[in-house]
Each structure stands twice: as structure tokens, then as C-alpha cells.
Amino acid sequence: MRIILAPMEGVVDHFMRDMLTGIGGYDGCVTEFVRVSSSLLPKKVFYRLCPELLQQGQTRHGVPVKVQLLGQDPDWLAENAARAAELGSPGVDLNFGCPAKTVNQSRGGAVLLQETELLYQIAKAVRAAVPAQVPVTAKMRLGYEDTTLALDNARALVEGGVNELAVHARTKTDGYKPPAYWPWIAKIREVVPVNVIANGEIWQPADAQQCLAESGASDLMIGRGALAQPNLAKRIKQGGTALPWWQVLQLLVDYGGYEATDQSDYYASRTKQWFSYLRIQYPQADELFRQVRVLRDNQAIVSLLAQARDAAANAAAAT
């Protein structure tokens, strides 16, 4: 079984990829999307969103990272896919799953699931532009408003040349509301001759096993669950328990170390967003988040988290 770290715009940056792949359990990652409109993007854009390109397309821990593209123009997506491959991306992923309103309004992400022929044309153009040894993959939802086109869309992408599909088992309208409809992945697997990765609503190892059983898939992609429980992928593969809270706090402190000299609010905003997921798994995160959310200074946040880590580690040692 492979486990892929999902692309999550605004959350899973290269710092997070480095941290989570260091914990273990991941076999691949996909970047936050590179937005393509009507130009060939400069190399610096790819390096900014995927600095792993400078280290053979891998995290420091040897886990490959594919560049993901988002857009609606087949020709420009093809041009940028070729550039990603040229820069060393071990694959090119296409985004047909993002449910964000701003993205959909600009005709990107899940809204394209209403245009089956366009999906085919995008896949065909990108496949033709990328060297044969570089895989082209895609992430899709079950549909935009409903599942009417789910099977047709999957077929179109594969007929266009996509080598592997990741399926988030909800529609755009479903958003992130449970449940995820894992049996739909089994239906998709029946109509396409490529591997299908199951994604959606995997928070615990038991969820992973249930997802595999209902979908028939052999591989998983996890996103929000990976942020709520940083060692989830490792637990799915090897067993064990969730990280103790003090170790999670150490990760948060380490995350601050990546951006210690950054004077922007990048670290502050991303840390607060991470807390929104940690609160799902760790009740202790609630009170600390109330203190963190009013801070904007990076060093002040790191200092607060370090104090909380020490207190939690001492409490754990005393029990």
C-alpha cells in the first residue's frame, strides 16, 4: 500500500511536506497547485512552490514530490507541464478537485468536472507535452453538483492519457461534509484500467481500513487527517498510537524554526490554520489556540508553543 500526502492549498507547503515525510509513512507528495492562466510561468514560480525540484524532486527524506497544475487551457497547461518535467518534477498532477469558490469562479478545479470533453483535451495535451517516462496523474472529485458525470469524467481523463487517478469521494457541493462515498471509488475502478487512489474522510487507521474495503483501492491519499494527526500515515502502515501532545508541540516549534527570520505573517497564519486541524485530534489544542490566535509575531508564537511543550512534557514524565 502506498500513502500519498494530499495537495492542500494554503496548508501543505514544502515545510509541512518536509516535516510529515520525516515522521514517515508517506510514499509521495503533491504540491499546492501552480495556477496556470495564459502564459508559460517563469521557473522561479515552480521553485517557490516546489523547492524540492532543487533536490531531485524529493523531500530531504527521499519522498518524491510532484508538481500540481490548475487551469483550464489545454495548451498552456501542456506548456507548463513540460516545464515542470524539465525542472525535474517526478510527475505532473492535474487539479480537478479544488472546491474553493474563488478557484471555481475563475474556471479552475472542480468546476471543470462539468466539462467532460475539456478534461479529455487537457489530459491529452499534457500527456503529449510530457516525456513518456514522466507520469501524468489527476485528482478529481465525484462531480460538481452531483455524481452524474463521475464515470464519464474518469474515463475521459484516462483516455486522454492520465496514468493514475486520485479520487476524493465527494462532490464539490458536498465540500468536506462527512461522509465520503468510498463505494463510488469502486465504481470508478471498474471502468478505468489505471490505478485509482482513494481519498476523503480518513482520520484514523480504522477509517483507512474501511476505505480500502469499500473502495477496493490499494493506495490512499490523506490530507486533513495528516494535519490532525501528524503520524497518521505511519500508524496506518505500522500501528502504534497517536503522537503525545508534547511531541506535536515540538513539531509546531520546529515549524516555526523554518521561518524564524521571516518578518511576514506567513508562519503565524499557517500555524493557526494547522491548529484548526489539530483541535480535531487533540482536545489540548483548544485552549492553546485561543492564546495563539491573537498573536501575530512569529517569535512570540514560537515562545508560547515552546513553553506549552515543556509543560506538557513535564506533565507526561510525571505520570
C-alpha atoms as a PDB file:
ATOM      1  CA  MET A   1       0.000   0.000   0.000  1.00  0.00           C
ATOM      2  CA  ARG A   2       1.182   3.482  -0.887  1.00  0.00           C
ATOM      3  CA  ILE A   3       0.097   6.565   1.040  1.00  0.00           C
ATOM      4  CA  ILE A   4       0.262   9.930  -0.706  1.00  0.00           C
ATOM      5  CA  LEU A   5       0.218  13.255   1.133  1.00  0.00           C
ATOM      6  CA  ALA A   6      -2.590  15.263  -0.454  1.00  0.00           C
ATOM      7  CA  PRO A   7      -2.129  18.692  -2.023  1.00  0.00           C
ATOM      8  CA  MET A   8      -3.814  21.228   0.252  1.00  0.00           C
ATOM      9  CA  GLU A   9      -3.596  24.805  -0.934  1.00  0.00           C
ATOM     10  CA  GLY A  10      -2.603  27.190   1.823  1.00  0.00           C
ATOM     11  CA  VAL A  11      -1.593  24.411   4.211  1.00  0.00           C
ATOM     12  CA  VAL A  12       0.757  21.743   2.872  1.00  0.00           C
ATOM     13  CA  ASP A  13       3.765  23.790   1.832  1.00  0.00           C
ATOM     14  CA  HIS A  14       7.300  22.462   1.463  1.00  0.00           C
ATOM     15  CA  PHE A  15       7.965  22.961   5.176  1.00  0.00           C
ATOM     16  CA  MET A  16       4.981  20.775   6.065  1.00  0.00           C
ATOM     17  CA  ARG A  17       5.969  18.193   3.458  1.00  0.00           C
ATOM     18  CA  ASP A  18       9.458  18.033   4.924  1.00  0.00           C
ATOM     19  CA  MET A  19       8.120  17.621   8.448  1.00  0.00           C
ATOM     20  CA  LEU A  20       5.483  14.990   7.715  1.00  0.00           C
ATOM     21  CA  THR A  21       7.663  12.881   5.437  1.00  0.00           C
ATOM     22  CA  GLY A  22      10.300  12.984   8.159  1.00  0.00           C
ATOM     23  CA  ILE A  23       7.851  11.309  10.537  1.00  0.00           C
ATOM     24  CA  GLY A  24       7.336   8.560   7.980  1.00  0.00           C
ATOM     25  CA  GLY A  25       4.692   6.521   6.212  1.00  0.00           C
ATOM     26  CA  TYR A  26       4.468   8.570   3.008  1.00  0.00           C
ATOM     27  CA  ASP A  27       5.390   7.311  -0.435  1.00  0.00           C
ATOM     28  CA  GLY A  28       4.743  10.535  -2.330  1.00  0.00           C
ATOM     29  CA  CYS A  29       3.552  14.132  -2.098  1.00  0.00           C
ATOM     30  CA  VAL A  30       1.790  16.571  -4.403  1.00  0.00           C
ATOM     31  CA  THR A  31       2.396  20.311  -4.229  1.00  0.00           C
ATOM     32  CA  GLU A  32      -0.090  23.065  -3.655  1.00  0.00           C
ATOM     33  CA  PHE A  33      -1.419  23.946  -7.084  1.00  0.00           C
ATOM     34  CA  VAL A  34       0.504  26.078  -9.540  1.00  0.00           C
ATOM     35  CA  ARG A  35      -2.147  28.285 -11.139  1.00  0.00           C
ATOM     36  CA  VAL A  36      -1.861  28.434 -14.926  1.00  0.00           C
ATOM     37  CA  SER A  37      -3.774  31.041 -16.921  1.00  0.00           C
ATOM     38  CA  SER A  38      -2.414  32.191 -20.278  1.00  0.00           C
ATOM     39  CA  SER A  39       1.349  32.133 -20.045  1.00  0.00           C
ATOM     40  CA  LEU A  40       4.369  29.943 -19.540  1.00  0.00           C
ATOM     41  CA  LEU A  41       5.264  30.596 -15.933  1.00  0.00           C
ATOM     42  CA  PRO A  42       8.847  31.516 -15.038  1.00  0.00           C
ATOM     43  CA  LYS A  43      10.983  28.876 -13.388  1.00  0.00           C
ATOM     44  CA  LYS A  44      11.009  30.821 -10.119  1.00  0.00           C
ATOM     45  CA  VAL A  45       7.278  30.135  -9.649  1.00  0.00           C
ATOM     46  CA  PHE A  46       7.892  26.391  -9.756  1.00  0.00           C
ATOM     47  CA  TYR A  47      10.875  26.650  -7.433  1.00  0.00           C
ATOM     48  CA  ARG A  48       8.867  28.769  -4.971  1.00  0.00           C
ATOM     49  CA  LEU A  49       6.030  26.264  -4.675  1.00  0.00           C
ATOM     50  CA  CYS A  50       8.221  23.195  -5.105  1.00  0.00           C
ATOM     51  CA  PRO A  51      11.768  23.904  -3.893  1.00  0.00           C
ATOM     52  CA  GLU A  52      12.205  20.125  -3.828  1.00  0.00           C
ATOM     53  CA  LEU A  53      12.923  20.498  -7.555  1.00  0.00           C
ATOM     54  CA  LEU A  54      16.354  21.714  -6.460  1.00  0.00           C
ATOM     55  CA  GLN A  55      16.972  18.400  -4.693  1.00  0.00           C
ATOM     56  CA  GLN A  56      15.986  15.892  -7.390  1.00  0.00           C
ATOM     57  CA  GLY A  57      12.250  16.317  -6.847  1.00  0.00           C
ATOM     58  CA  GLN A  58      12.308  14.856  -3.343  1.00  0.00           C
ATOM     59  CA  THR A  59      11.934  15.967   0.241  1.00  0.00           C
ATOM     60  CA  ARG A  60      15.039  15.714   2.425  1.00  0.00           C
ATOM     61  CA  HIS A  61      13.760  12.275   3.430  1.00  0.00           C
ATOM     62  CA  GLY A  62      13.724  10.906  -0.106  1.00  0.00           C
ATOM     63  CA  VAL A  63       9.982  11.127  -0.741  1.00  0.00           C
ATOM     64  CA  PRO A  64       9.126  12.257  -4.305  1.00  0.00           C
ATOM     65  CA  VAL A  65       7.087  15.440  -4.789  1.00  0.00           C
ATOM     66  CA  LYS A  66       5.022  16.013  -7.943  1.00  0.00           C
ATOM     67  CA  VAL A  67       4.084  19.470  -9.179  1.00  0.00           C
ATOM     68  CA  GLN A  68       0.331  20.032  -9.453  1.00  0.00           C
ATOM     69  CA  LEU A  69      -1.127  22.351 -12.092  1.00  0.00           C
ATOM     70  CA  LEU A  70      -4.513  24.073 -12.023  1.00  0.00           C
ATOM     71  CA  GLY A  71      -6.102  25.772 -15.023  1.00  0.00           C
ATOM     72  CA  GLN A  72      -8.468  25.288 -17.932  1.00  0.00           C
ATOM     73  CA  ASP A  73      -6.471  25.922 -21.111  1.00  0.00           C
ATOM     74  CA  PRO A  74      -5.051  22.659 -22.544  1.00  0.00           C
ATOM     75  CA  ASP A  75      -2.235  24.322 -24.448  1.00  0.00           C
ATOM     76  CA  TRP A  76      -0.954  26.458 -21.596  1.00  0.00           C
ATOM     77  CA  LEU A  77      -1.283  23.584 -19.137  1.00  0.00           C
ATOM     78  CA  ALA A  78       0.754  21.479 -21.555  1.00  0.00           C
ATOM     79  CA  GLU A  79       3.471  24.155 -21.827  1.00  0.00           C
ATOM     80  CA  ASN A  80       3.749  24.434 -18.061  1.00  0.00           C
ATOM     81  CA  ALA A  81       3.644  20.671 -17.584  1.00  0.00           C
ATOM     82  CA  ALA A  82       6.611  20.380 -19.930  1.00  0.00           C
ATOM     83  CA  ARG A  83       8.452  22.995 -17.872  1.00  0.00           C
ATOM     84  CA  ALA A  84       7.714  21.162 -14.612  1.00  0.00           C
ATOM     85  CA  ALA A  85       9.086  17.961 -16.101  1.00  0.00           C
ATOM     86  CA  GLU A  86      12.118  19.816 -17.463  1.00  0.00           C
ATOM     87  CA  LEU A  87      12.845  21.164 -13.979  1.00  0.00           C
ATOM     88  CA  GLY A  88      12.833  17.649 -12.553  1.00  0.00           C
ATOM     89  CA  SER A  89       9.331  17.002 -11.249  1.00  0.00           C
ATOM     90  CA  PRO A  90       8.907  13.198 -10.966  1.00  0.00           C
ATOM     91  CA  GLY A  91       5.372  13.577 -12.335  1.00  0.00           C
ATOM     92  CA  VAL A  92       2.754  16.152 -13.219  1.00  0.00           C
ATOM     93  CA  ASP A  93      -0.592  16.208 -11.427  1.00  0.00           C
ATOM     94  CA  LEU A  94      -3.740  17.953 -12.681  1.00  0.00           C
ATOM     95  CA  ASN A  95      -6.202  19.551 -10.272  1.00  0.00           C
ATOM     96  CA  PHE A  96      -9.889  18.831 -10.880  1.00  0.00           C
ATOM     97  CA  GLY A  97     -10.811  18.655  -7.228  1.00  0.00           C
ATOM     98  CA  CYS A  98     -10.367  22.077  -5.622  1.00  0.00           C
ATOM     99  CA  PRO A  99     -13.787  23.230  -4.326  1.00  0.00           C
ATOM    100  CA  ALA A 100     -12.747  26.796  -3.407  1.00  0.00           C
ATOM    101  CA  LYS A 101     -15.206  29.390  -4.688  1.00  0.00           C
ATOM    102  CA  THR A 102     -12.511  31.779  -5.915  1.00  0.00           C
ATOM    103  CA  VAL A 103     -10.838  28.961  -7.864  1.00  0.00           C
ATOM    104  CA  ASN A 104     -14.083  27.687  -9.371  1.00  0.00           C
ATOM    105  CA  GLN A 105     -15.187  31.183 -10.338  1.00  0.00           C
ATOM    106  CA  SER A 106     -12.001  31.537 -12.380  1.00  0.00           C
ATOM    107  CA  ARG A 107     -12.833  28.234 -14.101  1.00  0.00           C
ATOM    108  CA  GLY A 108     -10.386  26.043 -12.273  1.00  0.00           C
ATOM    109  CA  GLY A 109     -10.537  22.978 -10.066  1.00  0.00           C
ATOM    110  CA  ALA A 110     -13.784  21.067  -9.502  1.00  0.00           C
ATOM    111  CA  VAL A 111     -15.903  23.315 -11.734  1.00  0.00           C
ATOM    112  CA  LEU A 112     -14.280  21.628 -14.757  1.00  0.00           C
ATOM    113  CA  LEU A 113     -15.996  18.378 -13.805  1.00  0.00           C
ATOM    114  CA  GLN A 114     -18.998  19.791 -15.674  1.00  0.00           C
ATOM    115  CA  GLU A 115     -16.991  19.721 -18.935  1.00  0.00           C
ATOM    116  CA  THR A 116     -16.019  16.135 -19.714  1.00  0.00           C
ATOM    117  CA  GLU A 117     -14.652  16.883 -23.188  1.00  0.00           C
ATOM    118  CA  LEU A 118     -12.389  19.593 -21.781  1.00  0.00           C
ATOM    119  CA  LEU A 119     -10.997  17.140 -19.229  1.00  0.00           C
ATOM    120  CA  TYR A 120     -10.077  14.850 -22.097  1.00  0.00           C
ATOM    121  CA  GLN A 121      -8.453  17.655 -24.073  1.00  0.00           C
ATOM    122  CA  ILE A 122      -6.407  18.808 -21.069  1.00  0.00           C
ATOM    123  CA  ALA A 123      -5.200  15.294 -20.282  1.00  0.00           C
ATOM    124  CA  LYS A 124      -4.350  14.637 -23.942  1.00  0.00           C
ATOM    125  CA  ALA A 125      -2.397  17.889 -24.338  1.00  0.00           C
ATOM    126  CA  VAL A 126      -0.438  17.442 -21.121  1.00  0.00           C
ATOM    127  CA  ARG A 127       0.358  13.794 -21.844  1.00  0.00           C
ATOM    128  CA  ALA A 128       1.666  14.733 -25.283  1.00  0.00           C
ATOM    129  CA  ALA A 129       3.844  17.512 -23.853  1.00  0.00           C
ATOM    130  CA  VAL A 130       5.493  15.491 -21.094  1.00  0.00           C
ATOM    131  CA  PRO A 131       8.202  12.865 -21.706  1.00  0.00           C
ATOM    132  CA  ALA A 132       6.859   9.317 -21.766  1.00  0.00           C
ATOM    133  CA  GLN A 133       8.749   8.311 -18.627  1.00  0.00           C
ATOM    134  CA  VAL A 134       7.132  11.112 -16.592  1.00  0.00           C
ATOM    135  CA  PRO A 135       3.709  10.054 -15.245  1.00  0.00           C
ATOM    136  CA  VAL A 136       0.705  12.326 -15.624  1.00  0.00           C
ATOM    137  CA  THR A 137      -1.824  11.978 -12.823  1.00  0.00           C
ATOM    138  CA  ALA A 138      -5.019  13.748 -11.854  1.00  0.00           C
ATOM    139  CA  LYS A 139      -7.068  14.386  -8.758  1.00  0.00           C
ATOM    140  CA  MET A 140     -10.832  14.619  -9.191  1.00  0.00           C
ATOM    141  CA  ARG A 141     -13.987  14.689  -7.117  1.00  0.00           C
ATOM    142  CA  LEU A 142     -17.114  12.681  -7.891  1.00  0.00           C
ATOM    143  CA  GLY A 143     -18.616  15.687  -9.632  1.00  0.00           C
ATOM    144  CA  TYR A 144     -19.563  19.307  -9.238  1.00  0.00           C
ATOM    145  CA  GLU A 145     -23.182  19.335  -8.059  1.00  0.00           C
ATOM    146  CA  ASP A 146     -23.845  15.591  -8.337  1.00  0.00           C
ATOM    147  CA  THR A 147     -22.253  12.325  -9.457  1.00  0.00           C
ATOM    148  CA  THR A 148     -23.894  12.168 -12.905  1.00  0.00           C
ATOM    149  CA  LEU A 149     -20.598  12.565 -14.778  1.00  0.00           C
ATOM    150  CA  ALA A 150     -18.301  10.732 -12.362  1.00  0.00           C
ATOM    151  CA  LEU A 151     -17.665   7.694 -14.553  1.00  0.00           C
ATOM    152  CA  ASP A 152     -17.524   9.683 -17.791  1.00  0.00           C
ATOM    153  CA  ASN A 153     -15.029  12.113 -16.304  1.00  0.00           C
ATOM    154  CA  ALA A 154     -12.777   9.318 -15.063  1.00  0.00           C
ATOM    155  CA  ARG A 155     -12.879   7.637 -18.484  1.00  0.00           C
ATOM    156  CA  ALA A 156     -12.136  10.925 -20.253  1.00  0.00           C
ATOM    157  CA  LEU A 157      -9.050  11.603 -18.152  1.00  0.00           C
ATOM    158  CA  VAL A 158      -7.672   8.109 -18.663  1.00  0.00           C
ATOM    159  CA  GLU A 159      -8.463   8.087 -22.384  1.00  0.00           C
ATOM    160  CA  GLY A 160      -6.618  11.396 -22.585  1.00  0.00           C
ATOM    161  CA  GLY A 161      -3.525   9.744 -21.153  1.00  0.00           C
ATOM    162  CA  VAL A 162      -3.637  10.091 -17.371  1.00  0.00           C
ATOM    163  CA  ASN A 163      -1.651   7.251 -15.793  1.00  0.00           C
ATOM    164  CA  GLU A 164      -3.262   7.305 -12.345  1.00  0.00           C
ATOM    165  CA  LEU A 165      -6.281   8.911 -10.669  1.00  0.00           C
ATOM    166  CA  ALA A 166      -6.795  10.092  -7.107  1.00  0.00           C
ATOM    167  CA  VAL A 167     -10.494  10.349  -6.292  1.00  0.00           C
ATOM    168  CA  HIS A 168     -11.856  12.458  -3.468  1.00  0.00           C
ATOM    169  CA  ALA A 169     -15.088  10.622  -2.837  1.00  0.00           C
ATOM    170  CA  ARG A 170     -17.354  13.667  -2.587  1.00  0.00           C
ATOM    171  CA  THR A 171     -18.749  16.240  -4.984  1.00  0.00           C
ATOM    172  CA  LYS A 172     -17.859  19.906  -4.904  1.00  0.00           C
ATOM    173  CA  THR A 173     -21.298  20.593  -3.400  1.00  0.00           C
ATOM    174  CA  ASP A 174     -20.563  18.058  -0.642  1.00  0.00           C
ATOM    175  CA  GLY A 175     -17.469  20.077   0.236  1.00  0.00           C
ATOM    176  CA  TYR A 176     -15.866  18.400   3.223  1.00  0.00           C
ATOM    177  CA  LYS A 177     -19.058  17.287   4.938  1.00  0.00           C
ATOM    178  CA  PRO A 178     -18.999  13.637   6.013  1.00  0.00           C
ATOM    179  CA  PRO A 179     -19.415  11.031   4.823  1.00  0.00           C
ATOM    180  CA  ALA A 180     -17.092  10.313   1.940  1.00  0.00           C
ATOM    181  CA  TYR A 181     -18.718   7.956  -0.550  1.00  0.00           C
ATOM    182  CA  TRP A 182     -15.960   5.368  -0.856  1.00  0.00           C
ATOM    183  CA  PRO A 183     -18.083   2.810  -2.808  1.00  0.00           C
ATOM    184  CA  TRP A 184     -18.079   5.304  -5.687  1.00  0.00           C
ATOM    185  CA  ILE A 185     -14.335   4.766  -5.993  1.00  0.00           C
ATOM    186  CA  ALA A 186     -15.034   1.070  -6.574  1.00  0.00           C
ATOM    187  CA  LYS A 187     -17.390   2.040  -9.408  1.00  0.00           C
ATOM    188  CA  ILE A 188     -14.703   4.202 -10.977  1.00  0.00           C
ATOM    189  CA  ARG A 189     -12.140   1.429 -10.657  1.00  0.00           C
ATOM    190  CA  GLU A 190     -14.430  -0.820 -12.708  1.00  0.00           C
ATOM    191  CA  VAL A 191     -14.407   1.499 -15.724  1.00  0.00           C
ATOM    192  CA  VAL A 192     -10.768   2.624 -15.946  1.00  0.00           C
ATOM    193  CA  PRO A 193      -7.657   0.472 -16.490  1.00  0.00           C
ATOM    194  CA  VAL A 194      -5.352   2.561 -14.280  1.00  0.00           C
ATOM    195  CA  ASN A 195      -4.687   2.638 -10.559  1.00  0.00           C
ATOM    196  CA  VAL A 196      -7.185   4.664  -8.528  1.00  0.00           C
ATOM    197  CA  ILE A 197      -6.106   6.185  -5.206  1.00  0.00           C
ATOM    198  CA  ALA A 198      -8.817   6.610  -2.558  1.00  0.00           C
ATOM    199  CA  ASN A 199      -9.149   9.944  -0.750  1.00  0.00           C
ATOM    200  CA  GLY A 200     -11.588  11.506   1.701  1.00  0.00           C
ATOM    201  CA  GLU A 201     -12.539  11.317   5.393  1.00  0.00           C
ATOM    202  CA  ILE A 202      -9.563   9.276   6.599  1.00  0.00           C
ATOM    203  CA  TRP A 203      -8.872  10.399  10.143  1.00  0.00           C
ATOM    204  CA  GLN A 204      -7.814   7.172  11.879  1.00  0.00           C
ATOM    205  CA  PRO A 205      -6.232   3.849  10.890  1.00  0.00           C
ATOM    206  CA  ALA A 206      -9.675   2.241  11.164  1.00  0.00           C
ATOM    207  CA  ASP A 207     -11.006   4.730   8.591  1.00  0.00           C
ATOM    208  CA  ALA A 208      -8.189   3.753   6.253  1.00  0.00           C
ATOM    209  CA  GLN A 209      -9.058   0.080   6.505  1.00  0.00           C
ATOM    210  CA  GLN A 210     -12.755   0.773   5.944  1.00  0.00           C
ATOM    211  CA  CYS A 211     -11.965   2.978   2.966  1.00  0.00           C
ATOM    212  CA  LEU A 212      -9.818   0.261   1.398  1.00  0.00           C
ATOM    213  CA  ALA A 213     -12.552  -2.303   1.971  1.00  0.00           C
ATOM    214  CA  GLU A 214     -15.361  -0.197   0.488  1.00  0.00           C
ATOM    215  CA  SER A 215     -13.376   1.255  -2.411  1.00  0.00           C
ATOM    216  CA  GLY A 216     -11.330  -1.791  -3.340  1.00  0.00           C
ATOM    217  CA  ALA A 217      -8.362   0.556  -3.740  1.00  0.00           C
ATOM    218  CA  SER A 218      -4.856  -0.459  -2.722  1.00  0.00           C
ATOM    219  CA  ASP A 219      -3.496   3.069  -2.209  1.00  0.00           C
ATOM    220  CA  LEU A 220      -4.610   6.046  -0.125  1.00  0.00           C
ATOM    221  CA  MET A 221      -4.261   9.805  -0.194  1.00  0.00           C
ATOM    222  CA  ILE A 222      -4.671  11.647   3.096  1.00  0.00           C
ATOM    223  CA  GLY A 223      -4.893  15.371   3.719  1.00  0.00           C
ATOM    224  CA  ARG A 224      -6.748  16.864   6.678  1.00  0.00           C
ATOM    225  CA  GLY A 225      -6.220  13.691   8.711  1.00  0.00           C
ATOM    226  CA  ALA A 226      -2.474  14.044   8.242  1.00  0.00           C
ATOM    227  CA  LEU A 227      -2.572  17.522   9.764  1.00  0.00           C
ATOM    228  CA  ALA A 228      -4.847  16.488  12.621  1.00  0.00           C
ATOM    229  CA  GLN A 229      -2.598  13.523  13.443  1.00  0.00           C
ATOM    230  CA  PRO A 230       0.949  14.010  12.116  1.00  0.00           C
ATOM    231  CA  ASN A 231       1.910  10.328  12.390  1.00  0.00           C
ATOM    232  CA  LEU A 232      -1.320   9.007  10.840  1.00  0.00           C
ATOM    233  CA  ALA A 233       0.366   7.551   7.739  1.00  0.00           C
ATOM    234  CA  LYS A 234       2.900   5.729   9.882  1.00  0.00           C
ATOM    235  CA  ARG A 235       0.139   4.387  12.135  1.00  0.00           C
ATOM    236  CA  ILE A 236      -1.847   3.123   9.136  1.00  0.00           C
ATOM    237  CA  LYS A 237       1.167   1.147   7.962  1.00  0.00           C
ATOM    238  CA  GLN A 238       2.829   0.144  11.212  1.00  0.00           C
ATOM    239  CA  GLY A 239       0.286   0.513  14.008  1.00  0.00           C
ATOM    240  CA  GLY A 240       1.013   2.345  17.241  1.00  0.00           C
ATOM    241  CA  THR A 241      -0.668   5.300  18.898  1.00  0.00           C
ATOM    242  CA  ALA A 242      -1.060   8.963  18.054  1.00  0.00           C
ATOM    243  CA  LEU A 243       1.860  11.200  18.978  1.00  0.00           C
ATOM    244  CA  PRO A 244       1.667  12.544  22.537  1.00  0.00           C
ATOM    245  CA  TRP A 245       0.692  16.193  22.713  1.00  0.00           C
ATOM    246  CA  TRP A 246       4.125  17.400  23.785  1.00  0.00           C
ATOM    247  CA  GLN A 247       5.669  15.859  20.653  1.00  0.00           C
ATOM    248  CA  VAL A 248       3.086  17.592  18.485  1.00  0.00           C
ATOM    249  CA  LEU A 249       4.033  20.863  20.176  1.00  0.00           C
ATOM    250  CA  GLN A 250       7.667  20.129  19.329  1.00  0.00           C
ATOM    251  CA  LEU A 251       6.623  19.835  15.681  1.00  0.00           C
ATOM    252  CA  LEU A 252       4.904  23.205  15.907  1.00  0.00           C
ATOM    253  CA  VAL A 253       8.052  24.727  17.374  1.00  0.00           C
ATOM    254  CA  ASP A 254      10.131  23.108  14.627  1.00  0.00           C
ATOM    255  CA  TYR A 255       7.750  24.519  12.036  1.00  0.00           C
ATOM    256  CA  GLY A 256       8.471  27.948  13.461  1.00  0.00           C
ATOM    257  CA  GLY A 257      12.172  27.308  13.039  1.00  0.00           C
ATOM    258  CA  TYR A 258      11.750  27.018   9.280  1.00  0.00           C
ATOM    259  CA  GLU A 259      10.525  30.599   9.181  1.00  0.00           C
ATOM    260  CA  ALA A 260      12.441  32.073  12.103  1.00  0.00           C
ATOM    261  CA  THR A 261      13.731  35.003  10.077  1.00  0.00           C
ATOM    262  CA  ASP A 262      10.541  35.662   8.130  1.00  0.00           C
ATOM    263  CA  GLN A 263       9.056  39.015   9.106  1.00  0.00           C
ATOM    264  CA  SER A 264       5.751  38.386   7.323  1.00  0.00           C
ATOM    265  CA  ASP A 265       2.698  36.734   8.863  1.00  0.00           C
ATOM    266  CA  TYR A 266       3.275  33.554   6.830  1.00  0.00           C
ATOM    267  CA  TYR A 267       4.246  31.375   9.790  1.00  0.00           C
ATOM    268  CA  ALA A 268       1.585  32.871  12.045  1.00  0.00           C
ATOM    269  CA  SER A 269      -1.254  32.318   9.587  1.00  0.00           C
ATOM    270  CA  ARG A 270      -0.191  28.812   8.619  1.00  0.00           C
ATOM    271  CA  THR A 271       0.312  27.773  12.235  1.00  0.00           C
ATOM    272  CA  LYS A 272      -3.184  28.977  13.123  1.00  0.00           C
ATOM    273  CA  GLN A 273      -4.591  27.021  10.212  1.00  0.00           C
ATOM    274  CA  TRP A 274      -2.741  23.905  11.349  1.00  0.00           C
ATOM    275  CA  PHE A 275      -4.279  24.331  14.795  1.00  0.00           C
ATOM    276  CA  SER A 276      -7.751  24.130  13.251  1.00  0.00           C
ATOM    277  CA  TYR A 277      -6.949  20.535  12.295  1.00  0.00           C
ATOM    278  CA  LEU A 278      -5.036  19.596  15.453  1.00  0.00           C
ATOM    279  CA  ARG A 279      -8.095  20.509  17.527  1.00  0.00           C
ATOM    280  CA  ILE A 280      -9.916  17.585  15.903  1.00  0.00           C
ATOM    281  CA  GLN A 281      -7.491  15.045  17.367  1.00  0.00           C
ATOM    282  CA  TYR A 282      -6.104  16.825  20.438  1.00  0.00           C
ATOM    283  CA  PRO A 283      -8.505  18.466  22.943  1.00  0.00           C
ATOM    284  CA  GLN A 284      -5.492  20.237  24.488  1.00  0.00           C
ATOM    285  CA  ALA A 285      -5.185  22.326  21.341  1.00  0.00           C
ATOM    286  CA  ASP A 286      -8.356  24.337  22.097  1.00  0.00           C
ATOM    287  CA  GLU A 287      -7.053  26.426  24.976  1.00  0.00           C
ATOM    288  CA  LEU A 288      -3.649  26.954  23.397  1.00  0.00           C
ATOM    289  CA  PHE A 289      -5.246  28.024  20.130  1.00  0.00           C
ATOM    290  CA  ARG A 290      -7.171  30.754  21.939  1.00  0.00           C
ATOM    291  CA  GLN A 291      -3.830  32.183  23.028  1.00  0.00           C
ATOM    292  CA  VAL A 292      -2.098  31.713  19.680  1.00  0.00           C
ATOM    293  CA  ARG A 293      -4.849  33.205  17.568  1.00  0.00           C
ATOM    294  CA  VAL A 294      -4.339  36.732  18.951  1.00  0.00           C
ATOM    295  CA  LEU A 295      -0.587  36.727  18.263  1.00  0.00           C
ATOM    296  CA  ARG A 296       0.988  37.860  15.014  1.00  0.00           C
ATOM    297  CA  ASP A 297       4.668  37.943  15.888  1.00  0.00           C
ATOM    298  CA  ASN A 298       6.455  34.774  14.840  1.00  0.00           C
ATOM    299  CA  GLN A 299       8.853  34.679  17.759  1.00  0.00           C
ATOM    300  CA  ALA A 300       6.069  35.282  20.265  1.00  0.00           C
ATOM    301  CA  ILE A 301       4.163  32.291  18.868  1.00  0.00           C
ATOM    302  CA  VAL A 302       7.233  30.050  18.927  1.00  0.00           C
ATOM    303  CA  SER A 303       7.998  31.108  22.502  1.00  0.00           C
ATOM    304  CA  LEU A 304       4.434  30.366  23.651  1.00  0.00           C
ATOM    305  CA  LEU A 305       4.488  26.957  21.949  1.00  0.00           C
ATOM    306  CA  ALA A 306       7.868  26.105  23.472  1.00  0.00           C
ATOM    307  CA  GLN A 307       6.557  26.926  26.968  1.00  0.00           C
ATOM    308  CA  ALA A 308       3.493  24.760  26.347  1.00  0.00           C
ATOM    309  CA  ARG A 309       5.710  21.937  25.064  1.00  0.00           C
ATOM    310  CA  ASP A 310       7.865  21.991  28.178  1.00  0.00           C
ATOM    311  CA  ALA A 311       4.833  21.982  30.456  1.00  0.00           C
ATOM    312  CA  ALA A 312       3.230  19.101  28.541  1.00  0.00           C
ATOM    313  CA  ALA A 313       6.477  17.085  28.504  1.00  0.00           C
ATOM    314  CA  ASN A 314       6.924  17.564  32.263  1.00  0.00           C
ATOM    315  CA  ALA A 315       3.343  16.519  32.895  1.00  0.00           C
ATOM    316  CA  ALA A 316       3.803  13.415  30.735  1.00  0.00           C
ATOM    317  CA  ALA A 317       7.019  12.490  32.563  1.00  0.00           C
ATOM    318  CA  ALA A 318       5.293  12.820  35.922  1.00  0.00           C
ATOM    319  CA  THR A 319       2.559  10.294  35.035  1.00  0.00           C
END
